[in-house]
N, C-alpha and C. Protein backbone atom coordinates (compact mmCIF):
# COMPACT_ATOMS: atom_id res chain seq x y z
N MET A 1 13.07 -33.87 8.32
CA MET A 1 14.40 -33.30 8.15
C MET A 1 14.32 -31.82 8.52
N SER A 2 15.34 -31.32 9.17
CA SER A 2 15.36 -29.91 9.56
C SER A 2 15.78 -29.03 8.38
N ILE A 3 15.50 -27.75 8.49
CA ILE A 3 15.95 -26.80 7.46
C ILE A 3 17.46 -26.85 7.35
N GLU A 4 18.13 -26.89 8.49
CA GLU A 4 19.60 -26.93 8.47
C GLU A 4 20.11 -28.13 7.67
N ASP A 5 19.50 -29.29 7.91
CA ASP A 5 19.94 -30.51 7.21
C ASP A 5 19.59 -30.45 5.72
N ALA A 6 18.36 -30.02 5.41
CA ALA A 6 17.91 -30.01 4.02
C ALA A 6 18.71 -29.01 3.19
N VAL A 7 18.83 -27.80 3.67
CA VAL A 7 19.56 -26.77 2.91
C VAL A 7 21.06 -27.07 2.95
N GLY A 8 21.54 -27.51 4.09
CA GLY A 8 22.97 -27.83 4.22
C GLY A 8 23.42 -28.96 3.31
N ALA A 9 22.49 -29.81 2.87
CA ALA A 9 22.83 -30.91 1.98
C ALA A 9 23.03 -30.47 0.53
N LEU A 10 22.61 -29.24 0.22
CA LEU A 10 22.77 -28.75 -1.15
C LEU A 10 24.24 -28.45 -1.43
N ASP A 11 24.72 -28.90 -2.57
CA ASP A 11 26.10 -28.63 -2.98
C ASP A 11 26.29 -27.14 -3.15
N GLY A 12 27.26 -26.58 -2.46
CA GLY A 12 27.55 -25.15 -2.55
C GLY A 12 27.11 -24.36 -1.34
N VAL A 13 26.29 -24.96 -0.47
CA VAL A 13 25.88 -24.28 0.76
C VAL A 13 26.99 -24.45 1.78
N GLU A 14 27.42 -23.33 2.36
CA GLU A 14 28.52 -23.36 3.32
C GLU A 14 28.02 -23.36 4.76
N THR A 15 27.06 -22.48 5.10
CA THR A 15 26.51 -22.44 6.45
C THR A 15 25.01 -22.18 6.40
N VAL A 16 24.31 -22.68 7.41
CA VAL A 16 22.87 -22.44 7.57
C VAL A 16 22.64 -22.13 9.04
N ASP A 17 22.15 -20.92 9.31
CA ASP A 17 21.86 -20.51 10.68
C ASP A 17 20.38 -20.17 10.80
N VAL A 18 19.68 -20.92 11.64
CA VAL A 18 18.26 -20.69 11.86
C VAL A 18 18.08 -19.98 13.19
N ALA A 19 17.31 -18.89 13.18
CA ALA A 19 16.96 -18.17 14.41
C ALA A 19 15.46 -18.31 14.60
N ILE A 20 15.08 -19.27 15.41
CA ILE A 20 13.66 -19.56 15.59
C ILE A 20 12.92 -18.35 16.19
N ALA A 21 13.51 -17.69 17.14
CA ALA A 21 12.87 -16.54 17.79
C ALA A 21 12.54 -15.43 16.79
N ASP A 22 13.39 -15.27 15.78
CA ASP A 22 13.20 -14.23 14.76
C ASP A 22 12.51 -14.76 13.51
N ALA A 23 12.31 -16.06 13.43
CA ALA A 23 11.73 -16.72 12.25
C ALA A 23 12.54 -16.40 10.99
N THR A 24 13.87 -16.52 11.12
CA THR A 24 14.75 -16.23 9.99
C THR A 24 15.76 -17.36 9.77
N VAL A 25 16.24 -17.41 8.54
CA VAL A 25 17.31 -18.34 8.18
C VAL A 25 18.36 -17.55 7.42
N ARG A 26 19.61 -17.69 7.81
CA ARG A 26 20.72 -17.04 7.12
C ARG A 26 21.57 -18.14 6.49
N VAL A 27 21.77 -18.03 5.17
CA VAL A 27 22.51 -19.06 4.43
C VAL A 27 23.69 -18.41 3.73
N THR A 28 24.85 -19.00 3.92
CA THR A 28 26.04 -18.59 3.19
C THR A 28 26.28 -19.66 2.13
N PHE A 29 26.43 -19.21 0.86
CA PHE A 29 26.57 -20.19 -0.21
C PHE A 29 27.42 -19.65 -1.34
N ASP A 30 27.90 -20.57 -2.16
CA ASP A 30 28.69 -20.26 -3.35
C ASP A 30 27.71 -20.21 -4.53
N ASP A 31 27.45 -19.01 -5.04
CA ASP A 31 26.44 -18.86 -6.09
C ASP A 31 26.89 -19.42 -7.45
N GLU A 32 28.10 -19.90 -7.51
CA GLU A 32 28.54 -20.58 -8.73
C GLU A 32 28.22 -22.08 -8.66
N ARG A 33 27.85 -22.55 -7.46
CA ARG A 33 27.56 -23.98 -7.28
C ARG A 33 26.10 -24.26 -6.97
N VAL A 34 25.38 -23.28 -6.43
CA VAL A 34 23.96 -23.48 -6.10
C VAL A 34 23.22 -22.16 -6.32
N GLU A 35 22.02 -22.24 -6.86
CA GLU A 35 21.23 -21.04 -7.12
C GLU A 35 20.35 -20.71 -5.92
N LEU A 36 20.12 -19.43 -5.70
CA LEU A 36 19.25 -18.99 -4.61
C LEU A 36 17.87 -19.63 -4.74
N ALA A 37 17.38 -19.78 -5.95
CA ALA A 37 16.06 -20.39 -6.16
C ALA A 37 16.03 -21.82 -5.61
N SER A 38 17.11 -22.55 -5.72
CA SER A 38 17.17 -23.92 -5.18
C SER A 38 17.10 -23.92 -3.66
N ILE A 39 17.74 -22.95 -3.05
CA ILE A 39 17.71 -22.84 -1.59
C ILE A 39 16.29 -22.50 -1.14
N LYS A 40 15.68 -21.52 -1.80
CA LYS A 40 14.30 -21.14 -1.45
C LYS A 40 13.35 -22.32 -1.62
N ARG A 41 13.47 -23.03 -2.71
CA ARG A 41 12.60 -24.18 -2.97
C ARG A 41 12.78 -25.25 -1.89
N THR A 42 14.00 -25.48 -1.48
CA THR A 42 14.27 -26.48 -0.44
C THR A 42 13.62 -26.08 0.88
N ILE A 43 13.69 -24.82 1.23
CA ILE A 43 13.05 -24.33 2.46
C ILE A 43 11.54 -24.50 2.36
N GLU A 44 10.97 -24.15 1.21
CA GLU A 44 9.52 -24.28 1.01
C GLU A 44 9.10 -25.75 1.08
N GLU A 45 9.92 -26.65 0.57
CA GLU A 45 9.61 -28.07 0.62
C GLU A 45 9.58 -28.60 2.06
N GLN A 46 10.22 -27.88 2.96
CA GLN A 46 10.20 -28.24 4.39
C GLN A 46 8.96 -27.68 5.08
N GLY A 47 8.13 -26.94 4.32
CA GLY A 47 6.86 -26.44 4.87
C GLY A 47 6.90 -25.01 5.35
N TYR A 48 7.94 -24.26 4.97
CA TYR A 48 8.07 -22.87 5.42
C TYR A 48 7.92 -21.92 4.24
N ALA A 49 7.44 -20.71 4.54
CA ALA A 49 7.33 -19.67 3.52
C ALA A 49 8.65 -18.92 3.43
N VAL A 50 8.97 -18.44 2.23
CA VAL A 50 10.19 -17.67 2.00
C VAL A 50 9.78 -16.28 1.54
N PHE A 51 10.29 -15.27 2.21
CA PHE A 51 10.02 -13.88 1.86
C PHE A 51 11.35 -13.21 1.51
N GLY A 52 11.38 -12.52 0.38
CA GLY A 52 12.58 -11.79 0.02
C GLY A 52 13.51 -12.53 -0.88
């Protein structure tokens, strides 16, 4: 599963933009419906490190 699919499946996530060239992911989300920690954990479960 891609990061876009995995993170995008979380309730409260609105957009997921991956920039492979920059090794970054930008996520727009409703913090009343999903916690940042859940998004980070989902990215890590896909095999990627999260910084910041």
